[in-house]
Amino acid sequence: MLDKVKQAYQLKKAQSDLQKMVEKLSVFEQKGENSVVVTGDKKISKIIINGVENKQIKDLVNDAMKKMDTKLQKEMKAKEDELRALLGM
């Protein structure tokens, strides 16, 4: 029993470490006076249009991405439940 608790703790720590590493990654793309910085967790950290940072568009896109993630999770959960029912699980 203690081994399972220890394994669960190690797994949780590994997941946390991986998440932190992903969040530190970033990509910068630029075309003319427009640029964007996207982090490893697929969030826009900065968007510049015609040389001017636009926080409103950054927030709009991040909010839309978050809503899509939530919608996808719900859809995947529903499909998972359907598959479990088909397999008799």
C-alpha atoms as a PDB file:
ATOM      1  CA  MET A   1       0.000   0.000   0.000  1.00  0.00           C
ATOM      2  CA  LEU A   2       2.800   2.400   0.904  1.00  0.00           C
ATOM      3  CA  ASP A   3       4.482   1.659  -2.432  1.00  0.00           C
ATOM      4  CA  LYS A   4       1.330   2.650  -4.325  1.00  0.00           C
ATOM      5  CA  VAL A   5       1.109   5.928  -2.410  1.00  0.00           C
ATOM      6  CA  LYS A   6       4.772   6.604  -3.145  1.00  0.00           C
ATOM      7  CA  GLN A   7       4.250   5.804  -6.840  1.00  0.00           C
ATOM      8  CA  ALA A   8       1.214   8.087  -6.988  1.00  0.00           C
ATOM      9  CA  TYR A   9       3.228  10.910  -5.397  1.00  0.00           C
ATOM     10  CA  GLN A  10       6.097  10.378  -7.867  1.00  0.00           C
ATOM     11  CA  LEU A  11       3.678  10.385 -10.797  1.00  0.00           C
ATOM     12  CA  LYS A  12       2.025  13.590  -9.601  1.00  0.00           C
ATOM     13  CA  LYS A  13       5.423  15.255  -9.136  1.00  0.00           C
ATOM     14  CA  ALA A  14       6.553  14.134 -12.606  1.00  0.00           C
ATOM     15  CA  GLN A  15       3.347  15.542 -14.130  1.00  0.00           C
ATOM     16  CA  SER A  16       3.864  18.832 -12.287  1.00  0.00           C
ATOM     17  CA  ASP A  17       7.483  19.056 -13.430  1.00  0.00           C
ATOM     18  CA  LEU A  18       6.469  18.338 -17.021  1.00  0.00           C
ATOM     19  CA  GLN A  19       3.742  20.997 -16.906  1.00  0.00           C
ATOM     20  CA  LYS A  20       6.227  23.575 -15.614  1.00  0.00           C
ATOM     21  CA  MET A  21       8.669  22.689 -18.384  1.00  0.00           C
ATOM     22  CA  VAL A  22       5.953  22.981 -21.052  1.00  0.00           C
ATOM     23  CA  GLU A  23       4.857  26.389 -19.732  1.00  0.00           C
ATOM     24  CA  LYS A  24       8.449  27.687 -19.991  1.00  0.00           C
ATOM     25  CA  LEU A  25       8.710  26.797 -23.683  1.00  0.00           C
ATOM     26  CA  SER A  26       7.774  29.508 -26.161  1.00  0.00           C
ATOM     27  CA  VAL A  27       7.816  30.273 -29.876  1.00  0.00           C
ATOM     28  CA  PHE A  28       8.146  33.708 -31.470  1.00  0.00           C
ATOM     29  CA  GLU A  29       6.873  34.317 -35.015  1.00  0.00           C
ATOM     30  CA  GLN A  30       7.055  37.569 -36.928  1.00  0.00           C
ATOM     31  CA  LYS A  31       5.863  38.750 -40.318  1.00  0.00           C
ATOM     32  CA  GLY A  32       6.491  42.403 -41.030  1.00  0.00           C
ATOM     33  CA  GLU A  33       5.235  44.490 -38.123  1.00  0.00           C
ATOM     34  CA  ASN A  34       3.093  41.637 -36.778  1.00  0.00           C
ATOM     35  CA  SER A  35       4.359  39.111 -34.252  1.00  0.00           C
ATOM     36  CA  VAL A  36       3.133  36.604 -31.719  1.00  0.00           C
ATOM     37  CA  VAL A  37       4.619  34.685 -28.789  1.00  0.00           C
ATOM     38  CA  VAL A  38       2.981  31.348 -27.964  1.00  0.00           C
ATOM     39  CA  THR A  39       3.890  29.304 -24.884  1.00  0.00           C
ATOM     40  CA  GLY A  40       4.158  25.528 -24.723  1.00  0.00           C
ATOM     41  CA  ASP A  41       0.737  25.259 -23.116  1.00  0.00           C
ATOM     42  CA  LYS A  42      -0.654  26.880 -26.294  1.00  0.00           C
ATOM     43  CA  LYS A  43      -1.437  30.253 -24.779  1.00  0.00           C
ATOM     44  CA  ILE A  44      -0.631  33.507 -26.488  1.00  0.00           C
ATOM     45  CA  SER A  45       1.571  35.547 -24.209  1.00  0.00           C
ATOM     46  CA  LYS A  46       2.000  38.516 -26.567  1.00  0.00           C
ATOM     47  CA  ILE A  47       0.526  39.626 -29.870  1.00  0.00           C
ATOM     48  CA  ILE A  48       1.728  42.672 -31.775  1.00  0.00           C
ATOM     49  CA  ILE A  49      -0.173  44.022 -34.771  1.00  0.00           C
ATOM     50  CA  ASN A  50       1.315  46.815 -36.877  1.00  0.00           C
ATOM     51  CA  GLY A  51       3.979  47.311 -34.216  1.00  0.00           C
ATOM     52  CA  VAL A  52       1.467  47.775 -31.379  1.00  0.00           C
ATOM     53  CA  GLU A  53       0.833  45.196 -28.645  1.00  0.00           C
ATOM     54  CA  ASN A  54      -2.828  44.214 -28.575  1.00  0.00           C
ATOM     55  CA  LYS A  55      -3.856  42.701 -25.241  1.00  0.00           C
ATOM     56  CA  GLN A  56      -7.537  42.607 -26.200  1.00  0.00           C
ATOM     57  CA  ILE A  57      -6.940  40.252 -29.139  1.00  0.00           C
ATOM     58  CA  LYS A  58      -4.516  38.189 -27.017  1.00  0.00           C
ATOM     59  CA  ASP A  59      -7.184  37.765 -24.324  1.00  0.00           C
ATOM     60  CA  LEU A  60      -9.897  37.067 -26.910  1.00  0.00           C
ATOM     61  CA  VAL A  61      -7.903  34.271 -28.571  1.00  0.00           C
ATOM     62  CA  ASN A  62      -6.827  32.772 -25.225  1.00  0.00           C
ATOM     63  CA  ASP A  63     -10.437  32.780 -23.983  1.00  0.00           C
ATOM     64  CA  ALA A  64     -11.627  31.102 -27.192  1.00  0.00           C
ATOM     65  CA  MET A  65      -8.894  28.452 -26.916  1.00  0.00           C
ATOM     66  CA  LYS A  66      -9.835  27.776 -23.288  1.00  0.00           C
ATOM     67  CA  LYS A  67     -13.508  27.370 -24.225  1.00  0.00           C
ATOM     68  CA  MET A  68     -12.543  25.000 -27.039  1.00  0.00           C
ATOM     69  CA  ASP A  69     -10.411  22.922 -24.654  1.00  0.00           C
ATOM     70  CA  THR A  70     -13.380  22.637 -22.284  1.00  0.00           C
ATOM     71  CA  LYS A  71     -15.709  21.685 -25.141  1.00  0.00           C
ATOM     72  CA  LEU A  72     -13.255  19.074 -26.431  1.00  0.00           C
ATOM     73  CA  GLN A  73     -12.862  17.571 -22.954  1.00  0.00           C
ATOM     74  CA  LYS A  74     -16.644  17.203 -22.651  1.00  0.00           C
ATOM     75  CA  GLU A  75     -16.904  15.628 -26.107  1.00  0.00           C
ATOM     76  CA  MET A  76     -14.036  13.239 -25.424  1.00  0.00           C
ATOM     77  CA  LYS A  77     -15.564  12.252 -22.072  1.00  0.00           C
ATOM     78  CA  ALA A  78     -18.889  11.524 -23.749  1.00  0.00           C
ATOM     79  CA  LYS A  79     -17.189   9.390 -26.417  1.00  0.00           C
ATOM     80  CA  GLU A  80     -15.156   7.607 -23.753  1.00  0.00           C
ATOM     81  CA  ASP A  81     -18.352   6.803 -21.847  1.00  0.00           C
ATOM     82  CA  GLU A  82     -19.958   5.488 -25.059  1.00  0.00           C
ATOM     83  CA  LEU A  83     -16.965   3.237 -25.739  1.00  0.00           C
ATOM     84  CA  ARG A  84     -16.994   1.923 -22.179  1.00  0.00           C
ATOM     85  CA  ALA A  85     -20.690   1.093 -22.511  1.00  0.00           C
ATOM     86  CA  LEU A  86     -20.085  -0.721 -25.795  1.00  0.00           C
ATOM     87  CA  LEU A  87     -17.254  -2.710 -24.252  1.00  0.00           C
ATOM     88  CA  GLY A  88     -19.280  -3.445 -21.129  1.00  0.00           C
ATOM     89  CA  MET A  89     -16.900  -1.663 -18.791  1.00  0.00           C
END
